[in-house]
């Protein structure tokens, strides 16, 4: 579904991604772990068209999309939910959702309104708040709204950057459970996450990044079984995650 080949990305003169290659299958939830500054967010932003690769290629269903602009990539089925949510605080919950489908609003207005109602079923905590200003919502509800807005693009590939930051454990569990259900609909999810245990609960496969490179690739079970990998890259031993 998604294949990255020998990718190099720079921020000015600083190389943020170094020869990175990966493959994500349709309906897979791929978690990317690593310390701050490892290049995780840069990778997601490159996939979303916010950075142009200096080298390498990005293939979506066999088609090269490297260096394409964000509006093109949204139409190809790539949706990014950024780390700080970036919702429109002065707009209503409903209008935030509709903006997630801006690229098809003119031609499919009724369909888009139906999609927004489906998002409210996915995140029932947003029901009844459609006309509230998004900036008045709690952090957890804002994160649900940000993910819902991303889903309004009907993505084939959903990119999430640190969705658990600053949220209560109960809200994090709810969001992760929702992601686990979403992947069963065929959406491929790439999850960048500092909350290791939460990520390992839902991930099918895991990559660990360090200084722009992938230093470990395997299943969440393999990470939990390998104390050396945990100590070297995660900083501590991770207890087996409880089932959802």
Protein backbone atom coordinates (compact mmCIF):
# COMPACT_ATOMS: atom_id res chain seq x y z
CA UNK A 1 0.00 0.00 0.00
CA UNK A 2 2.70 2.48 1.11
CA UNK A 3 6.35 1.97 0.29
CA UNK A 4 9.19 4.37 1.10
CA UNK A 5 12.53 3.81 -0.57
CA UNK A 6 15.85 5.28 0.64
CA UNK A 7 14.32 8.59 1.70
CA UNK A 8 16.47 11.62 2.61
CA UNK A 9 14.84 14.80 3.97
CA UNK A 10 16.54 18.01 5.11
CA UNK A 11 15.56 20.97 7.26
CA UNK A 12 17.79 23.58 5.68
CA UNK A 13 21.30 22.15 6.02
CA UNK A 14 20.31 19.63 8.70
CA UNK A 15 19.45 16.13 7.53
CA UNK A 16 16.36 14.90 9.40
CA UNK A 17 15.70 11.63 7.53
CA UNK A 18 18.56 9.39 6.38
CA UNK A 19 18.07 6.64 3.82
CA UNK A 20 14.79 5.54 5.37
CA UNK A 21 12.79 2.68 3.84
CA UNK A 22 9.57 1.11 5.06
CA UNK A 23 6.47 -0.72 3.89
CA UNK A 24 2.95 -0.44 5.33
CA UNK A 25 0.19 -2.79 4.22
CA UNK A 26 -3.48 -1.98 3.70
CA UNK A 27 -5.37 -2.07 7.00
CA UNK A 28 -2.17 -2.13 9.06
CA UNK A 29 -1.52 0.02 12.10
CA UNK A 30 2.17 0.86 12.08
CA UNK A 31 3.55 2.57 15.19
CA UNK A 32 6.73 4.64 14.98
CA UNK A 33 8.53 5.14 18.28
CA UNK A 34 11.66 7.01 19.27
CA UNK A 35 13.03 9.95 21.20
CA UNK A 36 12.28 13.58 20.44
CA UNK A 37 14.30 14.72 17.44
CA UNK A 38 14.48 11.27 15.89
CA UNK A 39 12.69 12.47 12.74
CA UNK A 40 9.28 10.93 13.36
CA UNK A 41 7.21 14.08 12.80
CA UNK A 42 9.32 15.01 9.79
CA UNK A 43 8.51 11.65 8.25
CA UNK A 44 4.76 12.16 8.65
CA UNK A 45 4.97 15.72 7.35
CA UNK A 46 6.92 14.51 4.32
CA UNK A 47 4.26 11.92 3.59
CA UNK A 48 1.66 14.70 3.83
CA UNK A 49 3.58 16.91 1.39
CA UNK A 50 4.89 19.50 3.85
CA UNK A 51 8.54 18.67 3.08
CA UNK A 52 10.09 17.78 -0.25
CA UNK A 53 12.46 14.78 -0.18
CA UNK A 54 16.03 15.40 -1.31
CA UNK A 55 16.40 11.78 -2.36
CA UNK A 56 14.41 8.56 -2.53
CA UNK A 57 10.82 7.79 -3.42
CA UNK A 58 7.39 7.40 -1.82
CA UNK A 59 4.93 5.03 -3.49
CA UNK A 60 1.20 4.90 -2.71
CA UNK A 61 -0.38 1.82 -4.29
CA UNK A 62 2.54 1.70 -6.71
CA UNK A 63 2.29 5.38 -7.73
CA UNK A 64 5.09 7.81 -6.90
CA UNK A 65 3.89 10.72 -4.78
CA UNK A 66 7.24 12.10 -3.56
CA UNK A 67 7.34 15.88 -3.58
CA UNK A 68 3.66 16.31 -4.45
CA UNK A 69 1.81 19.21 -2.75
CA UNK A 70 -0.51 18.61 0.24
CA UNK A 71 -3.74 19.31 -1.68
CA UNK A 72 -2.82 16.65 -4.23
CA UNK A 73 -1.98 14.11 -1.53
CA UNK A 74 -5.27 14.69 0.29
CA UNK A 75 -7.07 13.83 -2.94
CA UNK A 76 -4.94 10.70 -3.22
CA UNK A 77 -6.14 9.60 0.21
CA UNK A 78 -3.51 10.81 2.68
CA UNK A 79 -4.68 12.65 5.79
CA UNK A 80 -2.47 14.07 8.56
CA UNK A 81 -3.67 14.71 12.12
CA UNK A 82 -0.88 16.98 13.45
CA UNK A 83 0.62 16.89 16.92
CA UNK A 84 -1.01 20.05 18.23
CA UNK A 85 -4.37 19.17 16.66
CA UNK A 86 -4.55 22.50 14.80
CA UNK A 87 -8.32 22.68 14.99
CA UNK A 88 -10.04 25.98 14.24
CA UNK A 89 -10.92 27.25 17.72
CA UNK A 90 -13.29 29.97 16.54
CA UNK A 91 -15.36 27.59 14.40
CA UNK A 92 -17.96 25.10 15.55
CA UNK A 93 -17.35 21.38 15.92
CA UNK A 94 -19.54 20.79 12.87
CA UNK A 95 -17.70 23.32 10.71
CA UNK A 96 -14.34 21.85 11.73
CA UNK A 97 -15.55 18.47 10.50
CA UNK A 98 -16.80 19.87 7.21
CA UNK A 99 -13.45 21.53 6.57
CA UNK A 100 -11.86 18.08 6.61
CA UNK A 101 -13.67 17.40 3.33
CA UNK A 102 -13.03 20.79 1.70
CA UNK A 103 -11.65 19.18 -1.44
CA UNK A 104 -15.00 17.56 -2.30
CA UNK A 105 -17.49 19.91 -0.65
CA UNK A 106 -18.64 21.63 -3.84
CA UNK A 107 -19.55 18.38 -5.59
CA UNK A 108 -20.78 16.18 -2.73
CA UNK A 109 -22.35 18.39 -0.07
CA UNK A 110 -25.02 15.93 1.08
CA UNK A 111 -22.54 13.08 1.15
CA UNK A 112 -20.20 15.13 3.30
CA UNK A 113 -22.91 15.95 5.83
CA UNK A 114 -23.65 12.24 6.04
CA UNK A 115 -19.94 11.55 6.62
CA UNK A 116 -19.91 14.11 9.46
CA UNK A 117 -22.80 12.33 11.14
CA UNK A 118 -20.85 9.07 10.87
CA UNK A 119 -17.89 10.72 12.61
CA UNK A 120 -20.21 11.62 15.50
CA UNK A 121 -21.06 7.91 15.75
CA UNK A 122 -17.35 7.05 15.88
CA UNK A 123 -16.80 9.68 18.58
CA UNK A 124 -20.12 9.84 20.46
CA UNK A 125 -18.64 12.21 23.05
CA UNK A 126 -18.92 14.91 20.36
CA UNK A 127 -22.65 14.34 19.90
CA UNK A 128 -24.74 17.27 21.05
CA UNK A 129 -21.75 19.60 20.76
CA UNK A 130 -21.95 20.20 17.02
CA UNK A 131 -22.62 23.94 17.41
CA UNK A 132 -20.16 24.55 20.23
CA UNK A 133 -16.98 26.44 19.43
CA UNK A 134 -14.14 23.96 19.11
CA UNK A 135 -11.91 26.09 21.34
CA UNK A 136 -14.22 25.51 24.31
CA UNK A 137 -13.78 21.73 24.20
CA UNK A 138 -11.54 19.76 26.55
CA UNK A 139 -8.21 18.51 25.21
CA UNK A 140 -9.59 15.00 24.77
CA UNK A 141 -12.60 16.19 22.79
CA UNK A 142 -10.38 18.41 20.66
CA UNK A 143 -8.22 15.41 19.82
CA UNK A 144 -11.28 13.39 18.86
CA UNK A 145 -12.39 16.28 16.68
CA UNK A 146 -8.97 16.49 15.03
CA UNK A 147 -9.03 12.77 14.21
CA UNK A 148 -12.62 13.06 13.01
CA UNK A 149 -11.67 15.95 10.75
CA UNK A 150 -8.86 13.81 9.33
CA UNK A 151 -11.30 10.99 8.64
CA UNK A 152 -13.61 13.37 6.78
CA UNK A 153 -11.11 13.24 3.90
CA UNK A 154 -11.94 9.52 3.54
CA UNK A 155 -8.27 8.61 3.80
CA UNK A 156 -6.61 5.44 2.65
CA UNK A 157 -3.63 6.42 4.80
CA UNK A 158 -4.20 8.19 8.14
CA UNK A 159 -1.15 9.80 9.77
CA UNK A 160 -1.33 10.62 13.47
CA UNK A 161 1.34 12.61 15.28
CA UNK A 162 1.34 12.15 19.08
CA UNK A 163 -2.44 11.90 19.60
CA UNK A 164 -2.08 11.09 23.32
CA UNK A 165 -0.07 14.18 24.33
CA UNK A 166 -1.53 15.90 27.40
CA UNK A 167 -4.57 13.63 27.67
CA UNK A 168 -5.90 11.68 30.63
CA UNK A 169 -5.23 7.92 30.54
CA UNK A 170 -8.94 7.10 30.15
CA UNK A 171 -9.19 9.36 27.08
CA UNK A 172 -6.02 7.86 25.61
CA UNK A 173 -7.49 4.37 25.96
CA UNK A 174 -10.68 5.48 24.22
CA UNK A 175 -8.79 7.03 21.32
CA UNK A 176 -6.50 4.03 20.90
CA UNK A 177 -9.49 1.67 20.94
CA UNK A 178 -11.06 3.76 18.19
CA UNK A 179 -7.88 3.50 16.10
CA UNK A 180 -7.90 -0.27 16.55
CA UNK A 181 -11.45 -0.37 15.16
CA UNK A 182 -10.62 1.97 12.28
CA UNK A 183 -7.86 -0.23 10.92
CA UNK A 184 -10.43 -3.02 10.58
CA UNK A 185 -12.24 -0.88 8.00
CA UNK A 186 -9.19 -1.07 5.72
CA UNK A 187 -7.61 2.28 6.60
CA UNK A 188 -3.83 2.11 6.94
CA UNK A 189 -2.67 4.03 10.01
CA UNK A 190 0.80 5.32 10.82
CA UNK A 191 0.95 6.34 14.45
CA UNK A 192 3.81 8.40 15.87
CA UNK A 193 3.60 8.11 19.64
CA UNK A 194 5.62 8.76 22.80
CA UNK A 195 3.21 6.74 24.92
CA UNK A 196 4.91 3.40 24.31
CA UNK A 197 2.44 1.14 26.11
CA UNK A 198 -0.56 2.68 24.37
CA UNK A 199 1.08 2.31 20.97
CA UNK A 200 2.08 -1.31 21.58
CA UNK A 201 -1.49 -2.19 22.54
CA UNK A 202 -2.87 -1.38 19.12
CA UNK A 203 0.06 -1.69 16.69
CA UNK A 204 0.41 -4.53 14.23
CA UNK A 205 4.03 -3.62 13.60
CA UNK A 206 6.51 -1.21 15.15
CA UNK A 207 9.46 0.82 13.92
CA UNK A 208 11.94 2.58 16.17
CA UNK A 209 13.69 5.65 14.79
CA UNK A 210 16.94 7.20 15.92
CA UNK A 211 18.60 10.21 14.26
CA UNK A 212 16.53 9.90 11.12
CA UNK A 213 17.06 6.18 10.65
CA UNK A 214 15.05 3.06 11.44
CA UNK A 215 16.98 1.07 14.02
CA UNK A 216 14.43 -1.63 14.79
CA UNK A 217 11.52 -3.18 12.90
CA UNK A 218 9.19 -5.87 14.16
CA UNK A 219 5.91 -6.67 15.84
CA UNK A 220 4.81 -5.18 19.16
CA UNK A 221 5.19 -8.65 20.66
CA UNK A 222 8.81 -8.82 19.56
CA UNK A 223 9.57 -5.51 21.26
CA UNK A 224 7.89 -6.58 24.49
CA UNK A 225 9.89 -9.81 24.44
CA UNK A 226 13.25 -8.13 23.78
CA UNK A 227 14.61 -6.45 26.91
CA UNK A 228 17.72 -5.28 25.04
CA UNK A 229 15.65 -3.35 22.50
CA UNK A 230 13.54 -1.87 25.29
CA UNK A 231 16.53 -0.65 27.25
CA UNK A 232 18.40 0.67 24.21
CA UNK A 233 15.57 2.49 22.48
CA UNK A 234 12.66 2.89 24.87
CA UNK A 235 14.60 3.68 28.02
CA UNK A 236 12.93 1.09 30.22
CA UNK A 237 11.38 -2.33 30.21
CA UNK A 238 7.80 -2.23 28.96
CA UNK A 239 5.39 -4.52 30.74
CA UNK A 240 3.10 -6.57 28.47
CA UNK A 241 0.11 -4.45 27.46
CA UNK A 242 -3.30 -5.53 28.62
CA UNK A 243 -5.85 -6.35 25.95
CA UNK A 244 -8.30 -3.66 24.98
